[in-house]
Amino acid sequence: MPAVVGAVKVLTLSTSSIFNIGDVYAMHPYSQAKTFAGGGSFNTGDDIQIQLDKSSIQVSDKDTIDQVIE
């Protein structure tokens, strides 16, 4: 069924978003990310105490594509 659309104002679109006006059968947004973190990262909860005297992370990632997302 055709859609009648008036004025549209798009403020922002993120990396994995889809903007569609009109009829559509299926939409499949995807995104990919690579995260590097040192010791003590990604901890969640109440009253967590972490003591890292000397902590460092060194990353050398020379490959262009790790895994293709289709």
PDB file of N, CA and C in Angstrom:
ATOM      1  N   MET A   1       0.845  -1.166   0.000  1.00  0.00           N
ATOM      2  CA  MET A   1       0.000   0.000   0.000  1.00  0.00           C
ATOM      3  C   MET A   1       0.893   1.232   0.000  1.00  0.00           C
ATOM      4  N   PRO A   2       0.738   2.113  -0.949  1.00  0.00           N
ATOM      5  CA  PRO A   2       1.597   3.293  -1.038  1.00  0.00           C
ATOM      6  C   PRO A   2       1.424   4.215   0.155  1.00  0.00           C
ATOM      7  N   ALA A   3       2.509   4.844   0.530  1.00  0.00           N
ATOM      8  CA  ALA A   3       2.492   5.778   1.652  1.00  0.00           C
ATOM      9  C   ALA A   3       2.638   7.200   1.130  1.00  0.00           C
ATOM     10  N   VAL A   4       1.898   8.118   1.716  1.00  0.00           N
ATOM     11  CA  VAL A   4       2.015   9.535   1.390  1.00  0.00           C
ATOM     12  C   VAL A   4       2.721  10.191   2.560  1.00  0.00           C
ATOM     13  N   VAL A   5       3.884  10.774   2.288  1.00  0.00           N
ATOM     14  CA  VAL A   5       4.711  11.340   3.344  1.00  0.00           C
ATOM     15  C   VAL A   5       4.909  12.820   3.062  1.00  0.00           C
ATOM     16  N   GLY A   6       4.772  13.614   4.087  1.00  0.00           N
ATOM     17  CA  GLY A   6       5.011  15.051   3.961  1.00  0.00           C
ATOM     18  C   GLY A   6       6.486  15.360   4.162  1.00  0.00           C
ATOM     19  N   ALA A   7       6.777  16.487   4.762  1.00  0.00           N
ATOM     20  CA  ALA A   7       8.155  16.908   5.009  1.00  0.00           C
ATOM     21  C   ALA A   7       8.803  16.013   6.054  1.00  0.00           C
ATOM     22  N   VAL A   8      10.061  15.672   5.841  1.00  0.00           N
ATOM     23  CA  VAL A   8      10.814  14.814   6.757  1.00  0.00           C
ATOM     24  C   VAL A   8      12.099  15.537   7.132  1.00  0.00           C
ATOM     25  N   LYS A   9      12.393  15.574   8.416  1.00  0.00           N
ATOM     26  CA  LYS A   9      13.637  16.177   8.892  1.00  0.00           C
ATOM     27  C   LYS A   9      14.407  15.118   9.671  1.00  0.00           C
ATOM     28  N   VAL A  10      15.568  14.748   9.174  1.00  0.00           N
ATOM     29  CA  VAL A  10      16.410  13.753   9.827  1.00  0.00           C
ATOM     30  C   VAL A  10      17.501  14.493  10.579  1.00  0.00           C
ATOM     31  N   LEU A  11      17.561  14.303  11.891  1.00  0.00           N
ATOM     32  CA  LEU A  11      18.569  14.979  12.697  1.00  0.00           C
ATOM     33  C   LEU A  11      19.864  14.180  12.740  1.00  0.00           C
ATOM     34  N   THR A  12      19.764  12.909  13.086  1.00  0.00           N
ATOM     35  CA  THR A  12      20.965  12.079  13.147  1.00  0.00           C
ATOM     36  C   THR A  12      20.640  10.653  12.715  1.00  0.00           C
ATOM     37  N   LEU A  13      21.636   9.987  12.201  1.00  0.00           N
ATOM     38  CA  LEU A  13      21.573   8.559  11.904  1.00  0.00           C
ATOM     39  C   LEU A  13      22.868   7.950  12.417  1.00  0.00           C
ATOM     40  N   SER A  14      22.762   6.888  13.168  1.00  0.00           N
ATOM     41  CA  SER A  14      23.975   6.249  13.672  1.00  0.00           C
ATOM     42  C   SER A  14      24.543   5.318  12.614  1.00  0.00           C
ATOM     43  N   THR A  15      25.644   4.690  12.936  1.00  0.00           N
ATOM     44  CA  THR A  15      26.362   3.866  11.978  1.00  0.00           C
ATOM     45  C   THR A  15      25.537   2.694  11.474  1.00  0.00           C
ATOM     46  N   SER A  16      24.807   2.030  12.336  1.00  0.00           N
ATOM     47  CA  SER A  16      24.073   0.836  11.920  1.00  0.00           C
ATOM     48  C   SER A  16      22.570   1.084  11.798  1.00  0.00           C
ATOM     49  N   SER A  17      22.176   2.314  11.535  1.00  0.00           N
ATOM     50  CA  SER A  17      20.747   2.606  11.445  1.00  0.00           C
ATOM     51  C   SER A  17      20.258   2.545  10.003  1.00  0.00           C
ATOM     52  N   ILE A  18      18.945   2.453   9.861  1.00  0.00           N
ATOM     53  CA  ILE A  18      18.302   2.415   8.555  1.00  0.00           C
ATOM     54  C   ILE A  18      17.255   3.518   8.518  1.00  0.00           C
ATOM     55  N   PHE A  19      17.237   4.268   7.446  1.00  0.00           N
ATOM     56  CA  PHE A  19      16.225   5.296   7.242  1.00  0.00           C
ATOM     57  C   PHE A  19      15.394   4.886   6.039  1.00  0.00           C
ATOM     58  N   ASN A  20      14.106   4.709   6.237  1.00  0.00           N
ATOM     59  CA  ASN A  20      13.241   4.232   5.173  1.00  0.00           C
ATOM     60  C   ASN A  20      11.968   5.050   5.143  1.00  0.00           C
ATOM     61  N   ILE A  21      11.560   5.411   3.928  1.00  0.00           N
ATOM     62  CA  ILE A  21      10.258   6.028   3.725  1.00  0.00           C
ATOM     63  C   ILE A  21       9.558   5.204   2.653  1.00  0.00           C
ATOM     64  N   GLY A  22       8.408   4.659   2.972  1.00  0.00           N
ATOM     65  CA  GLY A  22       7.667   3.878   1.990  1.00  0.00           C
ATOM     66  C   GLY A  22       7.577   2.416   2.384  1.00  0.00           C
ATOM     67  N   ASP A  23       7.181   1.614   1.423  1.00  0.00           N
ATOM     68  CA  ASP A  23       6.975   0.194   1.665  1.00  0.00           C
ATOM     69  C   ASP A  23       8.311  -0.540   1.691  1.00  0.00           C
ATOM     70  N   VAL A  24       8.401  -1.522   2.557  1.00  0.00           N
ATOM     71  CA  VAL A  24       9.619  -2.324   2.653  1.00  0.00           C
ATOM     72  C   VAL A  24       9.232  -3.723   3.120  1.00  0.00           C
ATOM     73  N   TYR A  25       9.930  -4.718   2.598  1.00  0.00           N
ATOM     74  CA  TYR A  25       9.654  -6.103   2.995  1.00  0.00           C
ATOM     75  C   TYR A  25      10.453  -6.480   4.240  1.00  0.00           C
ATOM     76  N   ALA A  26      11.755  -6.236   4.204  1.00  0.00           N
ATOM     77  CA  ALA A  26      12.603  -6.586   5.347  1.00  0.00           C
ATOM     78  C   ALA A  26      13.798  -5.640   5.392  1.00  0.00           C
ATOM     79  N   MET A  27      14.209  -5.287   6.602  1.00  0.00           N
ATOM     80  CA  MET A  27      15.395  -4.457   6.802  1.00  0.00           C
ATOM     81  C   MET A  27      16.309  -5.170   7.776  1.00  0.00           C
ATOM     82  N   HIS A  28      17.588  -5.156   7.502  1.00  0.00           N
ATOM     83  CA  HIS A  28      18.548  -5.871   8.339  1.00  0.00           C
ATOM     84  C   HIS A  28      19.759  -4.983   8.640  1.00  0.00           C
ATOM     85  N   PRO A  29      19.664  -4.132   9.646  1.00  0.00           N
ATOM     86  CA  PRO A  29      20.856  -3.343   9.994  1.00  0.00           C
ATOM     87  C   PRO A  29      21.880  -4.210  10.725  1.00  0.00           C
ATOM     88  N   TYR A  30      23.142  -3.894  10.564  1.00  0.00           N
ATOM     89  CA  TYR A  30      24.183  -4.601  11.297  1.00  0.00           C
ATOM     90  C   TYR A  30      25.315  -3.630  11.588  1.00  0.00           C
ATOM     91  N   SER A  31      26.089  -3.963  12.565  1.00  0.00           N
ATOM     92  CA  SER A  31      27.270  -3.175  12.883  1.00  0.00           C
ATOM     93  C   SER A  31      28.350  -4.118  13.378  1.00  0.00           C
ATOM     94  N   GLN A  32      29.552  -3.638  13.349  1.00  0.00           N
ATOM     95  CA  GLN A  32      30.663  -4.435  13.850  1.00  0.00           C
ATOM     96  C   GLN A  32      31.596  -3.524  14.632  1.00  0.00           C
ATOM     97  N   ALA A  33      32.247  -4.092  15.623  1.00  0.00           N
ATOM     98  CA  ALA A  33      33.126  -3.302  16.470  1.00  0.00           C
ATOM     99  C   ALA A  33      34.257  -4.177  16.988  1.00  0.00           C
ATOM    100  N   LYS A  34      35.353  -3.550  17.279  1.00  0.00           N
ATOM    101  CA  LYS A  34      36.491  -4.241  17.879  1.00  0.00           C
ATOM    102  C   LYS A  34      36.881  -3.464  19.128  1.00  0.00           C
ATOM    103  N   THR A  35      36.970  -4.130  20.241  1.00  0.00           N
ATOM    104  CA  THR A  35      37.213  -3.468  21.509  1.00  0.00           C
ATOM    105  C   THR A  35      38.474  -4.016  22.156  1.00  0.00           C
ATOM    106  N   PHE A  36      39.318  -3.136  22.621  1.00  0.00           N
ATOM    107  CA  PHE A  36      40.516  -3.512  23.372  1.00  0.00           C
ATOM    108  C   PHE A  36      40.406  -2.874  24.750  1.00  0.00           C
ATOM    109  N   ALA A  37      40.716  -3.639  25.789  1.00  0.00           N
ATOM    110  CA  ALA A  37      40.621  -3.110  27.138  1.00  0.00           C
ATOM    111  C   ALA A  37      41.657  -3.788  28.026  1.00  0.00           C
ATOM    112  N   GLY A  38      42.097  -3.079  29.025  1.00  0.00           N
ATOM    113  CA  GLY A  38      43.088  -3.603  29.945  1.00  0.00           C
ATOM    114  C   GLY A  38      42.451  -4.302  31.125  1.00  0.00           C
ATOM    115  N   GLY A  39      43.278  -4.707  32.048  1.00  0.00           N
ATOM    116  CA  GLY A  39      42.802  -5.392  33.243  1.00  0.00           C
ATOM    117  C   GLY A  39      41.908  -4.494  34.075  1.00  0.00           C
ATOM    118  N   GLY A  40      40.840  -5.060  34.608  1.00  0.00           N
ATOM    119  CA  GLY A  40      39.913  -4.297  35.416  1.00  0.00           C
ATOM    120  C   GLY A  40      38.821  -3.622  34.620  1.00  0.00           C
ATOM    121  N   SER A  41      38.766  -3.859  33.335  1.00  0.00           N
ATOM    122  CA  SER A  41      37.737  -3.230  32.504  1.00  0.00           C
ATOM    123  C   SER A  41      36.476  -4.080  32.500  1.00  0.00           C
ATOM    124  N   PHE A  42      35.366  -3.465  32.162  1.00  0.00           N
ATOM    125  CA  PHE A  42      34.067  -4.110  31.999  1.00  0.00           C
ATOM    126  C   PHE A  42      33.561  -4.766  33.283  1.00  0.00           C
ATOM    127  N   ASN A  43      33.931  -4.257  34.421  1.00  0.00           N
ATOM    128  CA  ASN A  43      33.416  -4.784  35.681  1.00  0.00           C
ATOM    129  C   ASN A  43      32.119  -4.060  36.024  1.00  0.00           C
ATOM    130  N   THR A  44      31.115  -4.814  36.408  1.00  0.00           N
ATOM    131  CA  THR A  44      29.850  -4.225  36.810  1.00  0.00           C
ATOM    132  C   THR A  44      29.446  -4.768  38.174  1.00  0.00           C
ATOM    133  N   GLY A  45      28.664  -4.003  38.895  1.00  0.00           N
ATOM    134  CA  GLY A  45      28.201  -4.453  40.204  1.00  0.00           C
ATOM    135  C   GLY A  45      28.364  -3.361  41.233  1.00  0.00           C
ATOM    136  N   ASP A  46      28.022  -3.686  42.454  1.00  0.00           N
ATOM    137  CA  ASP A  46      28.115  -2.732  43.548  1.00  0.00           C
ATOM    138  C   ASP A  46      29.379  -3.003  44.363  1.00  0.00           C
ATOM    139  N   ASP A  47      30.010  -1.946  44.809  1.00  0.00           N
ATOM    140  CA  ASP A  47      31.170  -2.005  45.715  1.00  0.00           C
ATOM    141  C   ASP A  47      32.314  -2.847  45.156  1.00  0.00           C
ATOM    142  N   ILE A  48      32.656  -2.660  43.904  1.00  0.00           N
ATOM    143  CA  ILE A  48      33.800  -3.365  43.318  1.00  0.00           C
ATOM    144  C   ILE A  48      35.053  -2.559  43.612  1.00  0.00           C
ATOM    145  N   GLN A  49      36.059  -3.239  44.122  1.00  0.00           N
ATOM    146  CA  GLN A  49      37.336  -2.596  44.415  1.00  0.00           C
ATOM    147  C   GLN A  49      38.419  -3.306  43.627  1.00  0.00           C
ATOM    148  N   ILE A  50      39.113  -2.554  42.792  1.00  0.00           N
ATOM    149  CA  ILE A  50      40.163  -3.111  41.949  1.00  0.00           C
ATOM    150  C   ILE A  50      41.424  -2.310  42.175  1.00  0.00           C
ATOM    151  N   GLN A  51      42.519  -3.021  42.378  1.00  0.00           N
ATOM    152  CA  GLN A  51      43.801  -2.357  42.562  1.00  0.00           C
ATOM    153  C   GLN A  51      44.779  -2.948  41.561  1.00  0.00           C
ATOM    154  N   LEU A  52      45.159  -2.149  40.603  1.00  0.00           N
ATOM    155  CA  LEU A  52      46.130  -2.552  39.602  1.00  0.00           C
ATOM    156  C   LEU A  52      47.318  -1.614  39.716  1.00  0.00           C
ATOM    157  N   ASP A  53      48.410  -2.126  40.235  1.00  0.00           N
ATOM    158  CA  ASP A  53      49.580  -1.268  40.421  1.00  0.00           C
ATOM    159  C   ASP A  53      50.161  -0.849  39.075  1.00  0.00           C
ATOM    160  N   LYS A  54      50.476  -1.825  38.236  1.00  0.00           N
ATOM    161  CA  LYS A  54      51.020  -1.529  36.911  1.00  0.00           C
ATOM    162  C   LYS A  54      50.232  -2.341  35.902  1.00  0.00           C
ATOM    163  N   SER A  55      49.495  -1.668  35.061  1.00  0.00           N
ATOM    164  CA  SER A  55      48.697  -2.347  34.063  1.00  0.00           C
ATOM    165  C   SER A  55      48.789  -1.575  32.756  1.00  0.00           C
ATOM    166  N   SER A  56      49.061  -2.284  31.697  1.00  0.00           N
ATOM    167  CA  SER A  56      49.095  -1.639  30.387  1.00  0.00           C
ATOM    168  C   SER A  56      48.620  -2.638  29.338  1.00  0.00           C
ATOM    169  N   ILE A  57      48.129  -2.104  28.254  1.00  0.00           N
ATOM    170  CA  ILE A  57      47.700  -2.941  27.140  1.00  0.00           C
ATOM    171  C   ILE A  57      48.329  -2.375  25.876  1.00  0.00           C
ATOM    172  N   GLN A  58      48.944  -3.247  25.108  1.00  0.00           N
ATOM    173  CA  GLN A  58      49.552  -2.852  23.843  1.00  0.00           C
ATOM    174  C   GLN A  58      48.967  -3.747  22.763  1.00  0.00           C
ATOM    175  N   VAL A  59      48.387  -3.137  21.757  1.00  0.00           N
ATOM    176  CA  VAL A  59      47.699  -3.878  20.713  1.00  0.00           C
ATOM    177  C   VAL A  59      48.382  -3.618  19.384  1.00  0.00           C
ATOM    178  N   SER A  60      48.657  -4.682  18.675  1.00  0.00           N
ATOM    179  CA  SER A  60      49.181  -4.583  17.320  1.00  0.00           C
ATOM    180  C   SER A  60      48.303  -5.467  16.446  1.00  0.00           C
ATOM    181  N   ASP A  61      47.390  -4.850  15.725  1.00  0.00           N
ATOM    182  CA  ASP A  61      46.437  -5.583  14.899  1.00  0.00           C
ATOM    183  C   ASP A  61      46.665  -5.164  13.448  1.00  0.00           C
ATOM    184  N   LYS A  62      47.372  -5.977  12.698  1.00  0.00           N
ATOM    185  CA  LYS A  62      47.770  -5.599  11.342  1.00  0.00           C
ATOM    186  C   LYS A  62      46.833  -6.151  10.268  1.00  0.00           C
ATOM    187  N   ASP A  63      45.940  -7.072  10.618  1.00  0.00           N
ATOM    188  CA  ASP A  63      45.048  -7.585   9.586  1.00  0.00           C
ATOM    189  C   ASP A  63      43.928  -6.590   9.307  1.00  0.00           C
ATOM    190  N   THR A  64      43.475  -6.577   8.057  1.00  0.00           N
ATOM    191  CA  THR A  64      42.470  -5.615   7.646  1.00  0.00           C
ATOM    192  C   THR A  64      41.072  -6.060   8.057  1.00  0.00           C
ATOM    193  N   ILE A  65      40.743  -7.312   7.840  1.00  0.00           N
ATOM    194  CA  ILE A  65      39.414  -7.825   8.120  1.00  0.00           C
ATOM    195  C   ILE A  65      39.547  -9.053   9.015  1.00  0.00           C
ATOM    196  N   ASP A  66      38.879  -9.039  10.168  1.00  0.00           N
ATOM    197  CA  ASP A  66      38.903 -10.196  11.060  1.00  0.00           C
ATOM    198  C   ASP A  66      37.859 -11.228  10.632  1.00  0.00           C
ATOM    199  N   GLN A  67      36.627 -10.800  10.476  1.00  0.00           N
ATOM    200  CA  GLN A  67      35.541 -11.693  10.072  1.00  0.00           C
ATOM    201  C   GLN A  67      34.533 -10.871   9.289  1.00  0.00           C
ATOM    202  N   VAL A  68      34.173 -11.378   8.132  1.00  0.00           N
ATOM    203  CA  VAL A  68      33.234 -10.663   7.282  1.00  0.00           C
ATOM    204  C   VAL A  68      31.818 -10.869   7.810  1.00  0.00           C
ATOM    205  N   ILE A  69      31.070  -9.789   7.938  1.00  0.00           N
ATOM    206  CA  ILE A  69      29.680  -9.855   8.362  1.00  0.00           C
ATOM    207  C   ILE A  69      28.809  -9.664   7.130  1.00  0.00           C
ATOM    208  N   GLU A  70      27.951 -10.626   6.844  1.00  0.00           N
ATOM    209  CA  GLU A  70      27.089 -10.528   5.669  1.00  0.00           C
ATOM    210  C   GLU A  70      25.644 -10.478   6.075  1.00  0.00           C
TER     211      GLU A  70
END
